[in-house]
Amino acid sequence: MPEVSLKLFFSYSHKDEALRDELAKHLTILEWQGVISSWHDRRILPGEEWDYQINDNLNTADIILLLISSDFLFSKYCWDVEIKKAIERHHAGKACVIPVILRSVDWSGAPFAKLQALPKNAEPVVSRYWHNQDEAFTDVARGIRAAAEKLKKQRDEQRQKQEADKLRLREQEEETRKLQQQERERLRLQEQQKEADRLQTQEAERLQRQQEEQEQADRLQRQREQEKANKLRLQQQSTGNDLLSEKGVDYTRLRDILKAGNWKKADQETLAVILKASDREQEGWLDSKSIDNFPCTDLRTIDQLWVKYSDGHFGFSVQKRIWESVGKDYEKFGASIGWQKGIFFNKEWLEYSDLTFTINSPQGHLPTANEFKVRFNTFTFSLPFRVGVGVFFSRIETCKL
């Protein structure tokens, strides 16, 4: 940024114009060096309002020279306007006022009396103290240069301080902006979290209602099945028929095979009646829906026939008790009822042909239902002899075997 010259204002009496011009000559080097730019009322152009021009330049001057003489003090305009305004600006720190004693006069008690005057020792320019006027004006010029340099230094320091204050203010504003932005972001995330919590609560409530509705539906389903089972049991008691079926399945053949102790054939017949009771004979396998809706009465009839003719050795309910006794551990369950062989990591599930179809096989060994297939969604799984607890466990629980 280029340096700006200090504005210097000559306040003087026109009677001292010749001395003013001599001083201006001695200040020419300062003007050439760009230290000052001087102004006096002789620079007012024709047609310009002189009072306005004087006040405007006086009010914007950085250095005000009061060229003191008897004529200067005698001038009412100089005394009432220029001296008064100059001292006001000096006390306000807006200008530097320097009295320059041109001619000898008593100026003690004047408004500028406390200010350091030029030339040295306030000796008038026109006096025997100086060898000549050039010596006096040289001293004045040096004093003005020193004052100008000091003022420029102060102005530079003030400007640097202002710039530093502006920079600090911008940094504070930027920090405030960042803090405000962070606060807005925090509030946004807070609102976002509240909304997420609200949606999560709604979803949890919906799932809770759904679960309660499902539990209620399951209770009603079990109640209807229990009522149907009770009705069939009463019918069985009144007729002596223990082969009840909700689907009209005839269990006479299964009963006769079990009664004859033909365990393998009974196991195969069990698969056939399960498919028939599920209306899945054509497909030859069950899906999850058919398992969930398998009639409890038919499941109970099949189980009771196995339990009755094996003297409690075989049956779904027998397998259920063993399943619960091993903590519902499928590996332990398979080993307990003889569906697995080997120990530790060498265990393997037996093929159907490897099973023992005698009353001497482990408790719960039968029924297995041979190669029983279950379909979930689009996948069909072959489950060798694991119909018992493996496939029907949830239904066994529901039907309370």
Protein backbone atom coordinates (compact mmCIF):
# COMPACT_ATOMS: atom_id res chain seq x y z
CA MET A 1 0.00 0.00 0.00
CA PRO A 2 1.65 3.35 -1.05
CA GLU A 3 2.33 5.81 1.74
CA VAL A 4 0.12 8.92 1.86
CA SER A 5 1.69 12.30 2.51
CA LEU A 6 0.77 14.11 5.69
CA LYS A 7 -1.37 17.18 5.05
CA LEU A 8 0.18 20.35 6.43
CA PHE A 9 -1.91 23.51 7.02
CA PHE A 10 -0.44 27.02 7.30
CA SER A 11 -2.37 29.22 9.73
CA TYR A 12 -0.90 32.74 9.38
CA SER A 13 -1.51 36.45 8.95
CA HIS A 14 -1.26 37.81 5.46
CA LYS A 15 1.15 40.38 6.88
CA ASP A 16 3.59 37.45 7.33
CA GLU A 17 3.09 36.03 3.83
CA ALA A 18 6.71 36.64 2.83
CA LEU A 19 8.00 34.71 5.88
CA ARG A 20 5.47 31.95 5.14
CA ASP A 21 6.81 31.66 1.58
CA GLU A 22 10.38 31.40 2.88
CA LEU A 23 9.36 28.63 5.27
CA ALA A 24 7.52 26.84 2.44
CA LYS A 25 10.75 26.87 0.43
CA HIS A 26 12.60 25.17 3.31
CA LEU A 27 9.84 22.53 3.44
CA THR A 28 10.05 21.81 -0.30
CA ILE A 29 12.37 18.81 0.25
CA LEU A 30 9.73 17.25 2.51
CA GLU A 31 7.11 17.69 -0.19
CA TRP A 32 9.37 16.14 -2.85
CA GLN A 33 10.07 13.22 -0.54
CA GLY A 34 6.34 12.70 -0.10
CA VAL A 35 6.48 13.36 3.62
CA ILE A 36 4.07 16.30 3.54
CA SER A 37 1.72 18.13 1.17
CA SER A 38 1.14 21.73 2.28
CA TRP A 39 -1.87 24.03 1.90
CA HIS A 40 -2.58 27.70 2.65
CA ASP A 41 -5.39 30.04 1.76
CA ARG A 42 -3.55 31.46 -1.28
CA ARG A 43 -4.40 28.19 -3.02
CA ILE A 44 -8.11 28.96 -2.97
CA LEU A 45 -9.18 29.31 -6.58
CA PRO A 46 -11.40 32.06 -7.95
CA GLY A 47 -15.07 31.26 -7.39
CA GLU A 48 -14.44 28.92 -4.46
CA GLU A 49 -15.91 29.72 -1.08
CA TRP A 50 -12.86 30.68 0.99
CA ASP A 51 -14.41 29.98 4.42
CA TYR A 52 -15.45 26.49 3.34
CA GLN A 53 -12.03 25.77 1.82
CA ILE A 54 -10.18 26.95 4.92
CA ASN A 55 -12.38 24.91 7.27
CA ASP A 56 -12.26 21.85 5.06
CA ASN A 57 -8.47 21.83 4.88
CA LEU A 58 -8.12 22.76 8.53
CA ASN A 59 -10.38 19.90 9.57
CA THR A 60 -8.44 17.37 7.48
CA ALA A 61 -4.89 18.54 8.19
CA ASP A 62 -2.41 16.24 9.95
CA ILE A 63 0.01 19.03 10.91
CA ILE A 64 -1.12 22.60 11.62
CA LEU A 65 1.55 25.29 11.70
CA LEU A 66 0.59 28.41 13.71
CA LEU A 67 2.90 31.15 12.38
CA ILE A 68 3.00 33.37 15.46
CA SER A 69 3.42 37.12 15.24
CA SER A 70 1.67 40.20 16.56
CA ASP A 71 -0.36 40.37 13.35
CA PHE A 72 -1.38 36.72 13.74
CA LEU A 73 -2.58 37.27 17.29
CA PHE A 74 -4.32 40.48 16.18
CA SER A 75 -6.29 38.61 13.47
CA LYS A 76 -9.78 37.90 14.78
CA TYR A 77 -10.30 35.11 12.20
CA CYS A 78 -7.04 33.44 13.14
CA TRP A 79 -7.84 33.69 16.84
CA ASP A 80 -11.56 32.80 16.81
CA VAL A 81 -11.56 30.17 14.06
CA GLU A 82 -8.21 28.70 13.15
CA ILE A 83 -6.49 28.63 16.58
CA LYS A 84 -9.64 27.37 18.27
CA LYS A 85 -10.21 24.55 15.77
CA ALA A 86 -6.51 23.64 15.69
CA ILE A 87 -6.29 23.27 19.49
CA GLU A 88 -9.52 21.18 19.54
CA ARG A 89 -8.11 18.77 16.95
CA HIS A 90 -4.75 18.64 18.74
CA HIS A 91 -6.35 17.67 22.05
CA ALA A 92 -8.50 15.09 20.24
CA GLY A 93 -5.34 13.50 18.81
CA LYS A 94 -6.48 14.18 15.26
CA ALA A 95 -3.72 16.67 14.37
CA CYS A 96 -0.32 17.87 15.54
CA VAL A 97 -0.22 21.63 16.20
CA ILE A 98 3.21 23.32 16.07
CA PRO A 99 3.63 27.00 16.92
CA VAL A 100 6.33 28.65 14.77
CA ILE A 101 7.46 31.98 16.27
CA LEU A 102 8.08 34.30 13.33
CA ARG A 103 8.39 37.62 15.10
CA SER A 104 8.79 38.56 18.70
CA VAL A 105 5.49 38.91 20.57
CA ASP A 106 4.16 38.09 24.01
CA TRP A 107 2.17 34.85 23.50
CA SER A 108 2.23 33.59 27.09
CA GLY A 109 -1.20 32.34 28.22
CA ALA A 110 -2.30 31.72 24.66
CA PRO A 111 -4.19 28.45 23.96
CA PHE A 112 -1.05 27.07 22.30
CA ALA A 113 1.35 28.29 25.01
CA LYS A 114 1.89 24.79 26.46
CA LEU A 115 2.90 23.36 23.10
CA GLN A 116 6.56 22.94 22.11
CA ALA A 117 7.31 25.73 19.65
CA LEU A 118 9.84 26.19 16.86
CA PRO A 119 12.55 27.35 16.21
CA LYS A 120 14.78 26.11 19.04
CA ASN A 121 14.11 27.71 22.40
CA ALA A 122 11.14 29.48 20.79
CA GLU A 123 13.53 32.15 19.52
CA PRO A 124 11.74 34.15 16.81
CA VAL A 125 12.86 33.64 13.24
CA VAL A 126 13.33 37.39 12.94
CA SER A 127 15.81 37.99 15.77
CA ARG A 128 19.52 38.49 16.43
CA TYR A 129 19.65 34.94 17.89
CA TRP A 130 20.03 33.54 14.39
CA HIS A 131 22.82 34.51 12.05
CA ASN A 132 20.22 34.74 9.33
CA GLN A 133 16.66 33.61 8.56
CA ASP A 134 17.82 30.54 6.65
CA GLU A 135 19.40 29.21 9.83
CA ALA A 136 16.16 29.73 11.71
CA PHE A 137 13.95 28.19 9.01
CA THR A 138 16.35 25.23 8.72
CA ASP A 139 15.81 24.54 12.41
CA VAL A 140 12.06 24.87 11.89
CA ALA A 141 12.15 22.47 8.91
CA ARG A 142 14.12 19.90 10.91
CA GLY A 143 11.62 20.14 13.75
CA ILE A 144 8.71 19.71 11.34
CA ARG A 145 10.46 16.68 9.77
CA ALA A 146 10.92 15.11 13.22
CA ALA A 147 7.28 15.79 14.09
CA ALA A 148 6.13 14.38 10.74
CA GLU A 149 8.19 11.20 11.17
CA LYS A 150 6.87 10.72 14.69
CA LEU A 151 3.31 11.29 13.53
CA LYS A 152 3.75 8.89 10.61
CA LYS A 153 5.15 6.28 12.98
CA GLN A 154 2.19 6.74 15.30
CA ARG A 155 -0.21 6.57 12.36
CA ASP A 156 1.51 3.42 11.07
CA GLU A 157 1.34 1.81 14.50
CA GLN A 158 -2.30 2.86 14.80
CA ARG A 159 -3.05 1.50 11.33
CA GLN A 160 -1.26 -1.77 12.14
CA LYS A 161 -3.21 -1.99 15.37
CA GLN A 162 -6.46 -1.35 13.51
CA GLU A 163 -5.57 -4.00 10.95
CA ALA A 164 -4.64 -6.41 13.73
CA ASP A 165 -7.93 -5.59 15.46
CA LYS A 166 -9.79 -6.16 12.19
CA LEU A 167 -7.98 -9.45 11.69
CA ARG A 168 -8.73 -10.49 15.25
CA LEU A 169 -12.34 -9.43 14.78
CA ARG A 170 -12.56 -11.47 11.56
CA GLU A 171 -11.02 -14.44 13.36
CA GLN A 172 -13.50 -14.03 16.20
CA GLU A 173 -16.35 -13.74 13.71
CA GLU A 174 -15.06 -16.83 11.90
CA GLU A 175 -14.76 -18.71 15.18
CA THR A 176 -18.26 -17.57 16.14
CA ARG A 177 -19.52 -18.67 12.73
CA LYS A 178 -17.88 -22.07 13.17
CA LEU A 179 -19.34 -22.43 16.65
CA GLN A 180 -22.76 -21.44 15.36
CA GLN A 181 -22.40 -23.90 12.49
CA GLN A 182 -21.33 -26.61 14.94
CA GLU A 183 -24.29 -25.77 17.15
CA ARG A 184 -26.65 -25.93 14.17
CA GLU A 185 -25.10 -29.26 13.18
CA ARG A 186 -25.44 -30.52 16.77
CA LEU A 187 -29.09 -29.47 16.85
CA ARG A 188 -29.64 -31.06 13.43
CA LEU A 189 -28.09 -34.34 14.59
CA GLN A 190 -30.06 -34.09 17.82
CA GLU A 191 -33.30 -33.66 15.88
CA GLN A 192 -32.24 -36.44 13.53
CA GLN A 193 -31.58 -38.71 16.52
CA LYS A 194 -34.93 -37.76 18.05
CA GLU A 195 -36.64 -38.63 14.77
CA ALA A 196 -34.72 -41.92 14.58
CA ASP A 197 -35.67 -42.69 18.19
CA ARG A 198 -39.29 -41.82 17.45
CA LEU A 199 -39.33 -44.09 14.41
CA GLN A 200 -37.57 -46.82 16.37
CA THR A 201 -40.13 -46.49 19.15
CA GLN A 202 -42.95 -46.63 16.62
CA GLU A 203 -41.41 -49.71 15.02
CA ALA A 204 -40.91 -51.35 18.42
CA GLU A 205 -44.53 -50.59 19.33
CA ARG A 206 -45.69 -51.95 15.98
CA LEU A 207 -43.68 -55.14 16.46
CA GLN A 208 -44.99 -55.40 20.02
CA ARG A 209 -48.57 -55.06 18.79
CA GLN A 210 -47.85 -57.53 16.02
CA GLN A 211 -46.37 -59.98 18.51
CA GLU A 212 -49.32 -59.54 20.86
CA GLU A 213 -51.74 -60.01 17.97
CA GLN A 214 -49.84 -63.13 16.88
CA GLU A 215 -49.83 -64.47 20.43
CA GLN A 216 -53.54 -63.79 20.67
CA ALA A 217 -54.09 -65.53 17.34
CA ASP A 218 -51.97 -68.48 18.51
CA ARG A 219 -53.94 -68.68 21.75
CA LEU A 220 -57.19 -68.65 19.85
CA GLN A 221 -55.85 -71.28 17.46
CA ARG A 222 -54.72 -73.49 20.35
CA GLN A 223 -58.05 -72.92 22.06
CA ARG A 224 -59.95 -73.97 18.92
CA GLU A 225 -57.69 -76.99 18.50
CA GLN A 226 -58.13 -77.91 22.14
CA GLU A 227 -61.88 -77.57 21.84
CA LYS A 228 -61.80 -79.74 18.72
CA ALA A 229 -59.57 -82.28 20.46
CA ASN A 230 -61.86 -82.36 23.48
CA LYS A 231 -64.83 -82.84 21.21
CA LEU A 232 -63.09 -85.71 19.40
CA ARG A 233 -61.98 -87.21 22.73
CA LEU A 234 -65.55 -87.16 23.97
CA GLN A 235 -66.58 -88.74 20.69
CA GLN A 236 -63.85 -91.36 21.15
CA GLN A 237 -65.00 -92.11 24.68
CA SER A 238 -68.60 -92.43 23.61
CA THR A 239 -67.86 -94.61 20.60
CA GLY A 240 -64.76 -96.40 21.82
CA ASN A 241 -62.87 -95.21 18.69
CA ASP A 242 -59.21 -94.30 19.41
CA LEU A 243 -58.33 -93.53 15.77
CA LEU A 244 -59.63 -89.97 15.58
CA SER A 245 -58.74 -87.69 12.67
CA GLU A 246 -59.66 -84.14 11.74
CA LYS A 247 -58.93 -84.94 8.08
CA GLY A 248 -60.80 -88.23 7.84
CA VAL A 249 -57.57 -90.27 7.73
CA ASP A 250 -58.01 -93.99 8.44
CA TYR A 251 -55.35 -95.10 10.93
CA THR A 252 -56.53 -98.71 11.05
CA ARG A 253 -53.62 -99.93 8.90
CA LEU A 254 -51.03 -98.10 11.03
CA ARG A 255 -52.61 -99.53 14.17
CA ASP A 256 -52.55 -103.07 12.85
CA ILE A 257 -48.93 -102.83 11.69
CA LEU A 258 -47.83 -101.45 15.06
CA LYS A 259 -49.85 -104.07 16.86
CA ALA A 260 -48.01 -106.75 14.86
CA GLY A 261 -44.64 -105.22 15.85
CA ASN A 262 -43.55 -104.58 12.26
CA TRP A 263 -41.66 -101.39 13.17
CA LYS A 264 -40.06 -100.63 9.83
CA LYS A 265 -43.31 -100.99 7.92
CA ALA A 266 -45.06 -98.91 10.60
CA ASP A 267 -42.45 -96.19 10.14
CA GLN A 268 -43.13 -96.10 6.40
CA GLU A 269 -46.90 -96.07 7.00
CA THR A 270 -46.40 -93.11 9.39
CA LEU A 271 -44.95 -91.08 6.53
CA ALA A 272 -47.92 -91.97 4.34
CA VAL A 273 -50.57 -90.93 6.88
CA ILE A 274 -48.68 -87.70 7.71
CA LEU A 275 -48.76 -86.69 4.04
CA LYS A 276 -52.43 -87.64 3.78
CA ALA A 277 -53.39 -85.66 6.89
CA SER A 278 -51.53 -82.67 5.41
CA ASP A 279 -53.16 -83.01 1.96
CA ARG A 280 -49.63 -83.32 0.53
CA GLU A 281 -49.77 -86.82 -0.97
CA GLN A 282 -49.38 -85.55 -4.52
CA GLU A 283 -46.38 -83.34 -3.63
CA GLY A 284 -44.75 -85.95 -1.41
CA TRP A 285 -43.26 -83.38 0.94
CA LEU A 286 -44.34 -80.76 3.49
CA ASP A 287 -43.83 -77.03 3.49
CA SER A 288 -43.71 -74.77 6.54
CA LYS A 289 -47.39 -73.88 6.24
CA SER A 290 -48.53 -77.49 6.19
CA ILE A 291 -46.37 -78.24 9.26
CA ASP A 292 -47.80 -75.25 11.16
CA ASN A 293 -51.33 -76.34 10.29
CA PHE A 294 -50.87 -80.07 10.83
CA PRO A 295 -53.97 -81.21 12.77
CA CYS A 296 -53.21 -81.80 16.45
CA THR A 297 -55.79 -84.56 16.65
CA ASP A 298 -54.03 -86.59 13.94
CA LEU A 299 -50.60 -85.93 15.46
CA ARG A 300 -51.89 -87.07 18.83
CA THR A 301 -53.48 -90.20 17.29
CA ILE A 302 -50.21 -91.17 15.54
CA ASP A 303 -48.23 -90.60 18.73
CA GLN A 304 -50.66 -92.53 20.93
CA LEU A 305 -50.57 -95.54 18.59
CA TRP A 306 -46.74 -95.62 18.71
CA VAL A 307 -46.64 -95.18 22.48
CA LYS A 308 -49.38 -97.75 23.09
CA TYR A 309 -48.00 -100.59 20.98
CA SER A 310 -44.36 -100.01 21.96
CA ASP A 311 -45.21 -99.86 25.67
CA GLY A 312 -43.92 -96.27 25.86
CA HIS A 313 -40.68 -97.05 24.03
CA PHE A 314 -41.41 -95.14 20.81
CA GLY A 315 -43.45 -92.09 19.80
CA PHE A 316 -43.23 -88.37 19.24
CA SER A 317 -44.00 -87.56 22.86
CA VAL A 318 -41.21 -89.92 23.96
CA GLN A 319 -38.78 -88.13 21.62
CA LYS A 320 -39.96 -84.79 22.98
CA ARG A 321 -39.11 -85.74 26.57
CA ILE A 322 -35.64 -86.93 25.51
CA TRP A 323 -35.14 -83.71 23.50
CA GLU A 324 -35.90 -81.62 26.56
CA SER A 325 -33.75 -83.80 28.84
CA VAL A 326 -30.61 -83.10 26.73
CA GLY A 327 -31.25 -79.34 26.77
CA LYS A 328 -32.62 -79.38 23.19
CA ASP A 329 -29.14 -80.15 21.88
CA TYR A 330 -29.62 -81.78 18.48
CA GLU A 331 -26.32 -83.68 18.53
CA LYS A 332 -26.95 -85.09 22.02
CA PHE A 333 -30.50 -85.91 21.02
CA GLY A 334 -29.35 -87.84 17.94
CA ALA A 335 -26.85 -89.81 20.02
CA SER A 336 -29.40 -90.54 22.77
CA ILE A 337 -31.97 -92.15 20.45
CA GLY A 338 -29.44 -93.97 18.27
CA TRP A 339 -29.55 -91.82 15.16
CA GLN A 340 -25.82 -91.09 15.36
CA LYS A 341 -22.69 -93.20 15.67
CA GLY A 342 -19.08 -92.36 16.55
CA ILE A 343 -17.70 -90.04 19.21
CA PHE A 344 -16.49 -86.46 19.47
CA PHE A 345 -15.72 -85.01 16.02
CA ASN A 346 -16.21 -88.35 14.23
CA LYS A 347 -19.95 -88.44 14.79
CA GLU A 348 -22.18 -89.05 11.77
CA TRP A 349 -25.88 -89.48 11.22
CA LEU A 350 -27.00 -92.98 10.28
CA GLU A 351 -28.56 -93.77 6.94
CA TYR A 352 -32.08 -95.14 7.02
CA SER A 353 -30.83 -98.60 6.16
CA ASP A 354 -28.56 -98.55 9.22
CA LEU A 355 -31.36 -98.01 11.72
CA THR A 356 -32.55 -100.70 14.08
CA PHE A 357 -36.22 -101.50 13.62
CA THR A 358 -36.65 -103.62 16.75
CA ILE A 359 -38.06 -103.05 20.18
CA ASN A 360 -34.50 -103.39 21.47
CA SER A 361 -33.36 -100.17 19.73
CA PRO A 362 -32.78 -97.12 21.96
CA GLN A 363 -35.81 -95.42 23.46
CA GLY A 364 -37.23 -92.80 21.08
CA HIS A 365 -35.48 -94.41 18.09
CA LEU A 366 -38.78 -94.47 16.18
CA PRO A 367 -40.69 -93.14 14.30
CA THR A 368 -38.28 -91.69 11.72
CA ALA A 369 -40.59 -91.48 8.68
CA ASN A 370 -37.80 -92.61 6.30
CA GLU A 371 -36.68 -90.04 3.65
CA PHE A 372 -38.98 -87.24 4.68
CA LYS A 373 -38.82 -84.04 2.65
CA VAL A 374 -39.65 -80.56 3.91
CA ARG A 375 -39.94 -77.51 1.64
CA PHE A 376 -39.30 -74.00 2.90
CA ASN A 377 -39.88 -71.18 0.39
CA THR A 378 -38.25 -72.43 -2.84
CA PHE A 379 -35.91 -74.98 -1.22
CA THR A 380 -36.70 -78.64 -0.60
CA PHE A 381 -34.69 -80.43 2.09
CA SER A 382 -34.43 -84.19 2.46
CA LEU A 383 -34.50 -85.02 6.15
CA PRO A 384 -33.77 -88.74 6.72
CA PHE A 385 -35.72 -90.12 9.70
CA ARG A 386 -35.84 -86.80 11.54
CA VAL A 387 -39.53 -86.10 11.41
CA GLY A 388 -39.97 -86.64 15.15
CA VAL A 389 -38.69 -83.67 17.05
CA GLY A 390 -36.63 -82.27 14.18
CA VAL A 391 -39.51 -81.22 11.90
CA PHE A 392 -42.58 -81.34 14.13
CA PHE A 393 -41.02 -79.96 17.31
CA SER A 394 -42.83 -76.61 17.21
CA ARG A 395 -46.07 -78.35 16.29
CA ILE A 396 -45.55 -80.95 19.03
CA GLU A 397 -45.19 -78.09 21.49
CA THR A 398 -48.38 -76.43 20.22
CA CYS A 399 -50.35 -79.65 20.32
CA LYS A 400 -49.06 -80.38 23.85
CA LEU A 401 -47.99 -84.00 23.24
